[in-house]
Amino acid sequence: MLFRSTGVKLVNGNYHICGDLTLAGSGDFKPGADTLIIIENGSLNVADKAVVSISKTTVILTGDNTVASSINFPNGNGKTASLTLSPPLGSTNPWQGVALFQDPKLTNTDNKWGPGADFNADGLVYLPNSNVVTDGNTSSSNAKCSKFVMNSFTTNGKVNLDFDQTVASCSAIGLKQWNGIIVRLIK
């Protein structure tokens, strides 16, 4: 797997990126300890044919709203990409259970995924102002503990989403559970 960016700094074991971060190739990013990847004033881009897995890491999108902040998969017939995210697990880590966090002050945050986008995330994916549109054959299948927060979600084409959860799986990653009425998106 390749991380491509114009400016990457390693600070206290965490990666700080100014501008876009592009993930290309195939591979796993498995740091020895819980890690943050902070993308400031940029987007997370997944290249065509990329198959990337990131573990024990929270990806944070932040900035000053001067540029778009989104997760970009390749678009076009025959293009595919897979991104799998697993959050930090340390019980003293304030980011425990959070796989992807987009700063709520960001407003240029819409996402258009597919066709061929495969996005799997264990833990919380927080895109509070994003309008997510999936096209073509978009899929995600995670039977652990996935929670998505977004402004709106629209599907066009064939979409296969499976976010089955178990209390034990959510407890294992430290993702807090709602004790009220449970609402699920079903196909």
N, C-alpha and C. Protein backbone atom coordinates (compact mmCIF):
# COMPACT_ATOMS: atom_id res chain seq x y z
N MET A 1 0.85 -1.17 0.00
CA MET A 1 0.00 0.00 0.00
C MET A 1 0.89 1.23 0.00
N LEU A 2 0.49 2.19 -0.73
CA LEU A 2 1.21 3.46 -0.80
C LEU A 2 0.37 4.58 -0.23
N PHE A 3 0.97 5.39 0.62
CA PHE A 3 0.36 6.65 1.05
C PHE A 3 1.01 7.70 0.17
N ARG A 4 0.21 8.43 -0.57
CA ARG A 4 0.76 9.50 -1.39
C ARG A 4 0.17 10.82 -0.94
N SER A 5 1.04 11.74 -0.60
CA SER A 5 0.61 13.07 -0.19
C SER A 5 1.78 14.02 -0.37
N THR A 6 1.48 15.29 -0.50
CA THR A 6 2.54 16.27 -0.66
C THR A 6 3.21 16.60 0.67
N GLY A 7 2.54 16.38 1.78
CA GLY A 7 3.15 16.73 3.06
C GLY A 7 2.70 15.82 4.18
N VAL A 8 3.54 14.85 4.56
CA VAL A 8 3.23 13.93 5.65
C VAL A 8 4.25 14.16 6.76
N LYS A 9 3.75 14.37 7.96
CA LYS A 9 4.63 14.51 9.12
C LYS A 9 4.21 13.49 10.16
N LEU A 10 5.18 12.85 10.78
CA LEU A 10 4.92 11.93 11.87
C LEU A 10 5.17 12.67 13.17
N VAL A 11 4.09 12.86 13.97
CA VAL A 11 4.18 13.60 15.23
C VAL A 11 3.63 12.71 16.34
N ASN A 12 4.48 12.35 17.29
CA ASN A 12 4.08 11.50 18.42
C ASN A 12 3.37 10.23 17.97
N GLY A 13 3.87 9.60 16.92
CA GLY A 13 3.29 8.36 16.42
C GLY A 13 2.03 8.53 15.58
N ASN A 14 1.62 9.77 15.33
CA ASN A 14 0.43 10.05 14.53
C ASN A 14 0.84 10.73 13.23
N TYR A 15 0.08 10.46 12.17
CA TYR A 15 0.39 11.00 10.86
C TYR A 15 -0.45 12.25 10.60
N HIS A 16 0.22 13.35 10.26
CA HIS A 16 -0.45 14.61 9.93
C HIS A 16 -0.20 14.88 8.45
N ILE A 17 -1.29 15.03 7.70
CA ILE A 17 -1.20 15.25 6.26
C ILE A 17 -1.82 16.60 5.94
N CYS A 18 -1.09 17.44 5.23
CA CYS A 18 -1.63 18.71 4.74
C CYS A 18 -2.02 18.49 3.28
N GLY A 19 -3.31 18.59 2.97
CA GLY A 19 -3.79 18.33 1.63
C GLY A 19 -4.32 16.92 1.51
N ASP A 20 -4.51 16.46 0.28
CA ASP A 20 -5.09 15.15 0.02
C ASP A 20 -4.15 14.01 0.39
N LEU A 21 -4.75 12.90 0.80
CA LEU A 21 -4.03 11.64 1.01
C LEU A 21 -4.61 10.63 0.04
N THR A 22 -3.77 10.02 -0.79
CA THR A 22 -4.21 9.01 -1.74
C THR A 22 -3.69 7.66 -1.30
N LEU A 23 -4.59 6.68 -1.26
CA LEU A 23 -4.23 5.30 -0.95
C LEU A 23 -4.25 4.51 -2.25
N ALA A 24 -3.15 3.84 -2.56
CA ALA A 24 -3.05 3.09 -3.81
C ALA A 24 -2.40 1.74 -3.55
N GLY A 25 -2.60 0.81 -4.47
CA GLY A 25 -2.00 -0.51 -4.32
C GLY A 25 -2.82 -1.39 -3.39
N SER A 26 -2.16 -2.40 -2.86
CA SER A 26 -2.81 -3.35 -1.95
C SER A 26 -1.97 -3.50 -0.71
N GLY A 27 -2.63 -3.61 0.43
CA GLY A 27 -1.87 -3.85 1.65
C GLY A 27 -2.62 -3.44 2.89
N ASP A 28 -1.97 -3.73 4.01
CA ASP A 28 -2.53 -3.45 5.33
C ASP A 28 -1.64 -2.45 6.05
N PHE A 29 -2.26 -1.47 6.68
CA PHE A 29 -1.56 -0.55 7.56
C PHE A 29 -1.93 -0.96 8.97
N LYS A 30 -0.96 -1.58 9.68
CA LYS A 30 -1.20 -2.09 11.03
C LYS A 30 -0.14 -1.54 11.96
N PRO A 31 -0.37 -0.36 12.52
CA PRO A 31 0.63 0.20 13.44
C PRO A 31 0.67 -0.62 14.73
N GLY A 32 1.78 -0.55 15.44
CA GLY A 32 1.92 -1.30 16.69
C GLY A 32 1.04 -0.78 17.80
N ALA A 33 0.69 0.49 17.74
CA ALA A 33 -0.15 1.11 18.77
C ALA A 33 -1.27 1.89 18.09
N ASP A 34 -2.29 2.26 18.88
CA ASP A 34 -3.37 3.09 18.34
C ASP A 34 -2.78 4.33 17.69
N THR A 35 -3.32 4.69 16.53
CA THR A 35 -2.75 5.77 15.71
C THR A 35 -3.86 6.67 15.17
N LEU A 36 -3.49 7.90 14.87
CA LEU A 36 -4.37 8.84 14.17
C LEU A 36 -3.74 9.18 12.82
N ILE A 37 -4.57 9.28 11.80
CA ILE A 37 -4.18 9.87 10.52
C ILE A 37 -5.04 11.12 10.39
N ILE A 38 -4.42 12.28 10.48
CA ILE A 38 -5.14 13.56 10.44
C ILE A 38 -4.91 14.20 9.08
N ILE A 39 -6.00 14.36 8.32
CA ILE A 39 -5.94 14.98 7.00
C ILE A 39 -6.52 16.38 7.14
N GLU A 40 -5.65 17.37 6.97
CA GLU A 40 -6.08 18.76 7.13
C GLU A 40 -6.15 19.44 5.77
N ASN A 41 -7.30 20.04 5.49
CA ASN A 41 -7.54 20.73 4.22
C ASN A 41 -7.31 19.82 3.03
N GLY A 42 -7.97 18.67 3.07
CA GLY A 42 -7.86 17.73 1.97
C GLY A 42 -8.86 16.60 2.11
N SER A 43 -8.76 15.66 1.18
CA SER A 43 -9.66 14.51 1.11
C SER A 43 -8.87 13.21 1.20
N LEU A 44 -9.58 12.14 1.48
CA LEU A 44 -9.00 10.79 1.45
C LEU A 44 -9.42 10.18 0.12
N ASN A 45 -8.44 9.91 -0.74
CA ASN A 45 -8.69 9.38 -2.08
C ASN A 45 -8.24 7.92 -2.15
N VAL A 46 -9.12 7.05 -2.64
CA VAL A 46 -8.79 5.64 -2.82
C VAL A 46 -8.64 5.42 -4.32
N ALA A 47 -7.45 5.04 -4.75
CA ALA A 47 -7.14 4.90 -6.18
C ALA A 47 -7.82 3.68 -6.79
N ASP A 48 -7.96 3.71 -8.12
CA ASP A 48 -8.53 2.58 -8.86
C ASP A 48 -7.72 1.31 -8.58
N LYS A 49 -8.41 0.22 -8.31
CA LYS A 49 -7.85 -1.11 -8.04
C LYS A 49 -7.17 -1.21 -6.68
N ALA A 50 -7.26 -0.19 -5.85
CA ALA A 50 -6.67 -0.25 -4.51
C ALA A 50 -7.49 -1.19 -3.63
N VAL A 51 -6.77 -1.95 -2.80
CA VAL A 51 -7.38 -2.81 -1.79
C VAL A 51 -6.61 -2.53 -0.51
N VAL A 52 -7.17 -1.67 0.35
CA VAL A 52 -6.44 -1.14 1.49
C VAL A 52 -7.20 -1.44 2.78
N SER A 53 -6.46 -1.86 3.79
CA SER A 53 -7.01 -2.10 5.12
C SER A 53 -6.19 -1.30 6.13
N ILE A 54 -6.88 -0.53 6.97
CA ILE A 54 -6.21 0.29 7.99
C ILE A 54 -6.75 -0.13 9.35
N SER A 55 -5.86 -0.56 10.25
CA SER A 55 -6.25 -1.09 11.55
C SER A 55 -5.78 -0.21 12.69
N LYS A 56 -6.50 -0.28 13.83
CA LYS A 56 -6.13 0.42 15.07
C LYS A 56 -5.87 1.91 14.83
N THR A 57 -6.66 2.50 13.93
CA THR A 57 -6.40 3.87 13.51
C THR A 57 -7.72 4.63 13.34
N THR A 58 -7.72 5.89 13.77
CA THR A 58 -8.82 6.80 13.46
C THR A 58 -8.33 7.74 12.36
N VAL A 59 -9.10 7.83 11.28
CA VAL A 59 -8.82 8.79 10.21
C VAL A 59 -9.68 10.02 10.51
N ILE A 60 -9.01 11.17 10.62
CA ILE A 60 -9.69 12.43 10.96
C ILE A 60 -9.56 13.39 9.79
N LEU A 61 -10.69 13.92 9.33
CA LEU A 61 -10.71 14.95 8.29
C LEU A 61 -11.05 16.27 8.96
N THR A 62 -10.19 17.26 8.79
CA THR A 62 -10.41 18.57 9.41
C THR A 62 -9.86 19.66 8.49
N GLY A 63 -9.99 20.89 8.89
CA GLY A 63 -9.46 21.98 8.08
C GLY A 63 -10.23 23.26 8.30
N ASP A 64 -10.04 24.18 7.35
CA ASP A 64 -10.63 25.52 7.50
C ASP A 64 -11.72 25.81 6.47
N ASN A 65 -12.24 24.76 5.80
CA ASN A 65 -13.32 24.88 4.82
C ASN A 65 -12.91 25.56 3.52
N THR A 66 -11.63 25.70 3.24
CA THR A 66 -11.21 26.32 1.99
C THR A 66 -11.18 25.32 0.83
N VAL A 67 -11.16 24.01 1.15
CA VAL A 67 -11.17 22.97 0.12
C VAL A 67 -12.17 21.88 0.54
N ALA A 68 -12.53 21.05 -0.42
CA ALA A 68 -13.46 19.95 -0.14
C ALA A 68 -12.80 18.93 0.79
N SER A 69 -13.64 18.31 1.61
CA SER A 69 -13.21 17.27 2.53
C SER A 69 -14.14 16.08 2.33
N SER A 70 -13.63 15.02 1.68
CA SER A 70 -14.50 13.88 1.39
C SER A 70 -13.67 12.61 1.29
N ILE A 71 -14.38 11.51 1.12
CA ILE A 71 -13.75 10.22 0.85
C ILE A 71 -14.09 9.92 -0.60
N ASN A 72 -13.08 9.80 -1.44
CA ASN A 72 -13.30 9.63 -2.88
C ASN A 72 -12.87 8.26 -3.35
N PHE A 73 -13.83 7.53 -3.94
CA PHE A 73 -13.54 6.27 -4.62
C PHE A 73 -13.51 6.55 -6.11
N PRO A 74 -12.84 5.69 -6.90
CA PRO A 74 -12.82 5.93 -8.35
C PRO A 74 -14.23 5.79 -8.92
N ASN A 75 -14.55 6.63 -9.86
CA ASN A 75 -15.85 6.58 -10.53
C ASN A 75 -15.65 6.25 -11.98
N GLY A 76 -16.55 5.45 -12.52
CA GLY A 76 -16.47 5.06 -13.92
C GLY A 76 -16.65 3.57 -14.05
N ASN A 77 -17.18 3.15 -15.18
CA ASN A 77 -17.45 1.76 -15.43
C ASN A 77 -16.16 0.93 -15.38
N GLY A 78 -16.16 -0.15 -14.62
CA GLY A 78 -15.01 -1.04 -14.53
C GLY A 78 -14.00 -0.67 -13.47
N LYS A 79 -14.19 0.45 -12.80
CA LYS A 79 -13.25 0.86 -11.76
C LYS A 79 -13.73 0.32 -10.41
N THR A 80 -12.78 -0.15 -9.62
CA THR A 80 -13.10 -0.72 -8.31
C THR A 80 -12.07 -0.27 -7.29
N ALA A 81 -12.48 -0.28 -6.03
CA ALA A 81 -11.56 0.00 -4.93
C ALA A 81 -12.20 -0.49 -3.64
N SER A 82 -11.35 -0.91 -2.72
CA SER A 82 -11.82 -1.41 -1.43
C SER A 82 -11.06 -0.72 -0.31
N LEU A 83 -11.81 -0.23 0.68
CA LEU A 83 -11.21 0.39 1.85
C LEU A 83 -11.86 -0.21 3.09
N THR A 84 -11.03 -0.76 3.98
CA THR A 84 -11.50 -1.34 5.24
C THR A 84 -10.85 -0.58 6.38
N LEU A 85 -11.67 -0.10 7.32
CA LEU A 85 -11.18 0.66 8.47
C LEU A 85 -11.55 -0.06 9.76
N SER A 86 -10.59 -0.15 10.69
CA SER A 86 -10.84 -0.67 12.03
C SER A 86 -10.28 0.34 13.03
N PRO A 87 -11.06 0.67 14.07
CA PRO A 87 -10.68 1.77 14.98
C PRO A 87 -9.67 1.37 16.03
N PRO A 88 -9.13 2.38 16.73
CA PRO A 88 -8.29 2.11 17.90
C PRO A 88 -9.09 1.37 18.97
N LEU A 89 -8.40 0.54 19.75
CA LEU A 89 -9.07 -0.28 20.75
C LEU A 89 -8.72 0.08 22.19
N GLY A 90 -7.68 0.88 22.38
CA GLY A 90 -7.22 1.20 23.74
C GLY A 90 -8.29 1.90 24.57
N SER A 91 -8.55 1.38 25.76
CA SER A 91 -9.63 1.92 26.59
C SER A 91 -9.35 3.34 27.10
N THR A 92 -8.10 3.78 27.11
CA THR A 92 -7.78 5.14 27.55
C THR A 92 -7.67 6.11 26.38
N ASN A 93 -7.84 5.60 25.16
CA ASN A 93 -7.75 6.42 23.96
C ASN A 93 -9.09 7.14 23.74
N PRO A 94 -9.09 8.48 23.65
CA PRO A 94 -10.35 9.20 23.42
C PRO A 94 -10.98 8.87 22.07
N TRP A 95 -10.23 8.29 21.14
CA TRP A 95 -10.75 7.92 19.82
C TRP A 95 -11.14 6.45 19.76
N GLN A 96 -11.17 5.76 20.88
CA GLN A 96 -11.53 4.34 20.91
C GLN A 96 -12.88 4.13 20.21
N GLY A 97 -12.92 3.17 19.29
CA GLY A 97 -14.16 2.83 18.59
C GLY A 97 -14.51 3.73 17.42
N VAL A 98 -13.71 4.77 17.14
CA VAL A 98 -13.99 5.70 16.05
C VAL A 98 -13.06 5.40 14.87
N ALA A 99 -13.63 4.94 13.75
CA ALA A 99 -12.83 4.62 12.57
C ALA A 99 -12.58 5.84 11.69
N LEU A 100 -13.61 6.67 11.51
CA LEU A 100 -13.51 7.83 10.64
C LEU A 100 -14.29 8.98 11.25
N PHE A 101 -13.66 10.14 11.36
CA PHE A 101 -14.28 11.30 11.97
C PHE A 101 -14.06 12.51 11.08
N GLN A 102 -15.16 13.14 10.67
CA GLN A 102 -15.06 14.37 9.89
C GLN A 102 -15.51 15.52 10.79
N ASP A 103 -14.63 16.50 10.92
CA ASP A 103 -14.89 17.65 11.78
C ASP A 103 -16.24 18.26 11.42
N PRO A 104 -17.14 18.43 12.41
CA PRO A 104 -18.47 18.97 12.11
C PRO A 104 -18.47 20.43 11.64
N LYS A 105 -17.35 21.13 11.79
CA LYS A 105 -17.31 22.51 11.28
C LYS A 105 -17.14 22.55 9.76
N LEU A 106 -16.78 21.41 9.14
CA LEU A 106 -16.61 21.34 7.69
C LEU A 106 -17.97 21.23 7.02
N THR A 107 -18.14 21.97 5.91
CA THR A 107 -19.43 21.96 5.21
C THR A 107 -19.32 21.54 3.75
N ASN A 108 -18.15 21.54 3.15
CA ASN A 108 -17.95 21.10 1.77
C ASN A 108 -17.55 19.62 1.83
N THR A 109 -18.54 18.75 2.14
CA THR A 109 -18.22 17.39 2.57
C THR A 109 -18.96 16.28 1.84
N ASP A 110 -19.65 16.57 0.75
CA ASP A 110 -20.45 15.54 0.09
C ASP A 110 -19.58 14.45 -0.51
N ASN A 111 -20.13 13.22 -0.53
CA ASN A 111 -19.42 12.05 -1.04
C ASN A 111 -20.25 11.38 -2.12
N LYS A 112 -19.60 10.97 -3.22
CA LYS A 112 -20.24 10.19 -4.28
C LYS A 112 -19.35 8.97 -4.52
N TRP A 113 -19.87 7.79 -4.19
CA TRP A 113 -19.08 6.55 -4.23
C TRP A 113 -19.62 5.60 -5.29
N GLY A 114 -18.70 5.00 -6.00
CA GLY A 114 -19.07 3.92 -6.92
C GLY A 114 -18.96 4.35 -8.36
N PRO A 115 -19.27 3.45 -9.30
CA PRO A 115 -19.55 2.06 -9.01
C PRO A 115 -18.28 1.32 -8.63
N GLY A 116 -18.43 0.21 -8.00
CA GLY A 116 -17.28 -0.60 -7.62
C GLY A 116 -16.64 -0.21 -6.31
N ALA A 117 -17.28 0.66 -5.54
CA ALA A 117 -16.73 1.05 -4.24
C ALA A 117 -17.10 0.00 -3.21
N ASP A 118 -16.12 -0.43 -2.45
CA ASP A 118 -16.34 -1.39 -1.36
C ASP A 118 -15.78 -0.75 -0.10
N PHE A 119 -16.67 -0.29 0.78
CA PHE A 119 -16.27 0.42 1.99
C PHE A 119 -16.74 -0.38 3.20
N ASN A 120 -15.79 -0.85 4.00
CA ASN A 120 -16.09 -1.62 5.21
C ASN A 120 -15.48 -0.90 6.38
N ALA A 121 -16.30 -0.63 7.38
CA ALA A 121 -15.77 0.04 8.56
C ALA A 121 -16.32 -0.62 9.81
N ASP A 122 -15.44 -0.89 10.73
CA ASP A 122 -15.82 -1.36 12.04
C ASP A 122 -15.74 -0.15 12.96
N GLY A 123 -16.78 0.09 13.76
CA GLY A 123 -16.78 1.25 14.63
C GLY A 123 -17.58 2.39 14.04
N LEU A 124 -17.37 3.58 14.58
CA LEU A 124 -18.12 4.76 14.18
C LEU A 124 -17.52 5.43 12.95
N VAL A 125 -18.37 5.73 11.97
CA VAL A 125 -18.03 6.55 10.81
C VAL A 125 -18.89 7.80 10.95
N TYR A 126 -18.24 8.93 11.25
CA TYR A 126 -18.93 10.17 11.58
C TYR A 126 -18.71 11.19 10.47
N LEU A 127 -19.74 11.38 9.64
CA LEU A 127 -19.74 12.33 8.53
C LEU A 127 -20.97 13.23 8.70
N PRO A 128 -21.01 14.09 9.71
CA PRO A 128 -22.25 14.75 10.12
C PRO A 128 -22.90 15.66 9.10
N ASN A 129 -22.14 16.27 8.20
CA ASN A 129 -22.70 17.20 7.22
C ASN A 129 -22.70 16.64 5.81
N SER A 130 -22.27 15.39 5.64
CA SER A 130 -22.11 14.81 4.32
C SER A 130 -23.39 14.22 3.78
N ASN A 131 -23.62 14.48 2.51
CA ASN A 131 -24.68 13.81 1.75
C ASN A 131 -23.98 12.73 0.94
N VAL A 132 -24.18 11.48 1.31
CA VAL A 132 -23.48 10.36 0.67
C VAL A 132 -24.39 9.77 -0.40
N VAL A 133 -23.84 9.66 -1.64
CA VAL A 133 -24.55 9.05 -2.76
C VAL A 133 -23.71 7.88 -3.25
N THR A 134 -24.33 6.69 -3.36
CA THR A 134 -23.62 5.53 -3.89
C THR A 134 -24.25 5.15 -5.23
N ASP A 135 -23.41 4.87 -6.21
CA ASP A 135 -23.86 4.50 -7.55
C ASP A 135 -23.32 3.14 -7.93
N GLY A 136 -24.01 2.50 -8.87
CA GLY A 136 -23.51 1.23 -9.39
C GLY A 136 -23.53 0.14 -8.35
N ASN A 137 -22.48 -0.66 -8.32
CA ASN A 137 -22.37 -1.80 -7.42
C ASN A 137 -21.54 -1.42 -6.21
N THR A 138 -22.17 -0.83 -5.24
CA THR A 138 -21.49 -0.43 -4.01
C THR A 138 -21.82 -1.46 -2.95
N SER A 139 -20.80 -1.84 -2.16
CA SER A 139 -21.06 -2.85 -1.14
C SER A 139 -20.31 -2.55 0.14
N SER A 140 -20.83 -3.12 1.20
CA SER A 140 -20.16 -3.12 2.48
C SER A 140 -20.72 -4.27 3.27
N SER A 141 -19.86 -5.03 3.88
CA SER A 141 -20.31 -6.17 4.66
C SER A 141 -19.44 -6.27 5.89
N ASN A 142 -20.03 -6.00 7.03
CA ASN A 142 -19.29 -6.04 8.28
C ASN A 142 -20.23 -6.55 9.35
N ALA A 143 -19.88 -7.66 9.95
CA ALA A 143 -20.75 -8.26 10.96
C ALA A 143 -20.24 -8.00 12.37
N LYS A 144 -19.44 -6.96 12.54
CA LYS A 144 -18.90 -6.67 13.87
C LYS A 144 -19.70 -5.56 14.52
N CYS A 145 -19.29 -4.30 14.32
CA CYS A 145 -20.00 -3.19 14.95
C CYS A 145 -19.78 -1.93 14.12
N SER A 146 -20.71 -1.63 13.24
CA SER A 146 -20.61 -0.43 12.39
C SER A 146 -21.74 0.52 12.72
N LYS A 147 -21.37 1.79 12.87
CA LYS A 147 -22.36 2.84 13.10
C LYS A 147 -22.00 4.00 12.18
N PHE A 148 -22.98 4.47 11.41
CA PHE A 148 -22.76 5.56 10.48
C PHE A 148 -23.60 6.76 10.88
N VAL A 149 -23.00 7.94 10.86
CA VAL A 149 -23.70 9.21 11.09
C VAL A 149 -23.42 10.06 9.85
N MET A 150 -24.48 10.49 9.16
CA MET A 150 -24.33 11.34 7.99
C MET A 150 -25.59 12.18 7.83
N ASN A 151 -25.50 13.24 7.04
CA ASN A 151 -26.66 14.10 6.82
C ASN A 151 -27.73 13.39 6.01
N SER A 152 -27.34 12.76 4.88
CA SER A 152 -28.29 11.99 4.08
C SER A 152 -27.56 10.87 3.36
N PHE A 153 -28.33 9.86 2.97
CA PHE A 153 -27.77 8.69 2.29
C PHE A 153 -28.70 8.33 1.13
N THR A 154 -28.15 8.32 -0.10
CA THR A 154 -28.93 8.00 -1.29
C THR A 154 -28.22 6.88 -2.05
N THR A 155 -29.00 5.90 -2.52
CA THR A 155 -28.42 4.82 -3.30
C THR A 155 -29.01 4.82 -4.70
N ASN A 156 -28.15 4.62 -5.69
CA ASN A 156 -28.55 4.49 -7.09
C ASN A 156 -27.88 3.24 -7.63
N GLY A 157 -28.64 2.35 -8.21
CA GLY A 157 -28.04 1.12 -8.72
C GLY A 157 -28.13 0.02 -7.69
N LYS A 158 -27.25 -0.97 -7.82
CA LYS A 158 -27.23 -2.12 -6.93
C LYS A 158 -26.34 -1.82 -5.73
N VAL A 159 -26.93 -1.84 -4.56
CA VAL A 159 -26.20 -1.57 -3.34
C VAL A 159 -26.44 -2.71 -2.38
N ASN A 160 -25.36 -3.25 -1.81
CA ASN A 160 -25.46 -4.34 -0.85
C ASN A 160 -24.78 -3.91 0.44
N LEU A 161 -25.59 -3.50 1.42
CA LEU A 161 -25.05 -3.05 2.69
C LEU A 161 -25.49 -4.01 3.78
N ASP A 162 -24.53 -4.49 4.57
CA ASP A 162 -24.83 -5.39 5.67
C ASP A 162 -24.09 -4.89 6.90
N PHE A 163 -24.82 -4.30 7.82
CA PHE A 163 -24.23 -3.76 9.04
C PHE A 163 -24.80 -4.46 10.26
N ASP A 164 -24.87 -5.78 10.18
CA ASP A 164 -25.34 -6.55 11.33
C ASP A 164 -24.39 -6.29 12.49
N GLN A 165 -24.93 -6.22 13.71
CA GLN A 165 -24.11 -5.90 14.88
C GLN A 165 -24.44 -6.83 16.03
N THR A 166 -23.46 -7.00 16.89
CA THR A 166 -23.70 -7.71 18.14
C THR A 166 -23.22 -6.83 19.28
N VAL A 167 -23.87 -6.95 20.42
CA VAL A 167 -23.47 -6.18 21.60
C VAL A 167 -22.04 -6.52 21.99
N ALA A 168 -21.69 -7.81 21.93
CA ALA A 168 -20.33 -8.23 22.30
C ALA A 168 -19.28 -7.62 21.37
N SER A 169 -19.57 -7.55 20.08
CA SER A 169 -18.61 -6.97 19.13
C SER A 169 -18.42 -5.49 19.39
N CYS A 170 -19.51 -4.76 19.66
CA CYS A 170 -19.39 -3.33 19.95
C CYS A 170 -18.64 -3.10 21.26
N SER A 171 -18.88 -3.94 22.24
CA SER A 171 -18.14 -3.83 23.52
C SER A 171 -16.66 -4.10 23.32
N ALA A 172 -16.32 -5.05 22.45
CA ALA A 172 -14.92 -5.42 22.22
C ALA A 172 -14.11 -4.26 21.66
N ILE A 173 -14.74 -3.39 20.86
CA ILE A 173 -14.00 -2.25 20.32
C ILE A 173 -14.24 -0.97 21.12
N GLY A 174 -15.08 -1.06 22.16
CA GLY A 174 -15.31 0.09 23.03
C GLY A 174 -16.28 1.12 22.49
N LEU A 175 -17.10 0.73 21.50
CA LEU A 175 -18.07 1.68 20.95
C LEU A 175 -19.31 1.67 21.82
N LYS A 176 -19.62 2.83 22.36
CA LYS A 176 -20.76 2.96 23.27
C LYS A 176 -22.06 2.66 22.55
N GLN A 177 -22.99 2.06 23.27
CA GLN A 177 -24.28 1.65 22.70
C GLN A 177 -25.42 2.52 23.20
N TRP A 178 -26.35 2.77 22.31
CA TRP A 178 -27.58 3.46 22.65
C TRP A 178 -28.49 2.45 23.35
N ASN A 179 -29.11 2.85 24.44
CA ASN A 179 -29.99 1.94 25.18
C ASN A 179 -31.46 2.14 24.85
N GLY A 180 -31.77 3.05 23.93
CA GLY A 180 -33.15 3.32 23.57
C GLY A 180 -33.61 2.41 22.44
N ILE A 181 -34.54 2.91 21.65
CA ILE A 181 -35.10 2.14 20.54
C ILE A 181 -34.04 2.02 19.44
N ILE A 182 -33.87 0.81 18.92
CA ILE A 182 -32.88 0.56 17.88
C ILE A 182 -33.55 0.69 16.51
N VAL A 183 -32.95 1.49 15.63
CA VAL A 183 -33.44 1.67 14.27
C VAL A 183 -32.34 1.17 13.34
N ARG A 184 -32.73 0.37 12.36
CA ARG A 184 -31.75 -0.18 11.41
C ARG A 184 -32.20 0.09 9.99
N LEU A 185 -31.23 0.28 9.11
CA LEU A 185 -31.47 0.41 7.69
C LEU A 185 -31.46 -1.01 7.12
N ILE A 186 -32.53 -1.39 6.45
CA ILE A 186 -32.58 -2.72 5.84
C ILE A 186 -32.85 -2.58 4.36
N LYS A 187 -32.47 -3.61 3.64
CA LYS A 187 -32.68 -3.53 2.18
C LYS A 187 -34.02 -4.08 1.80
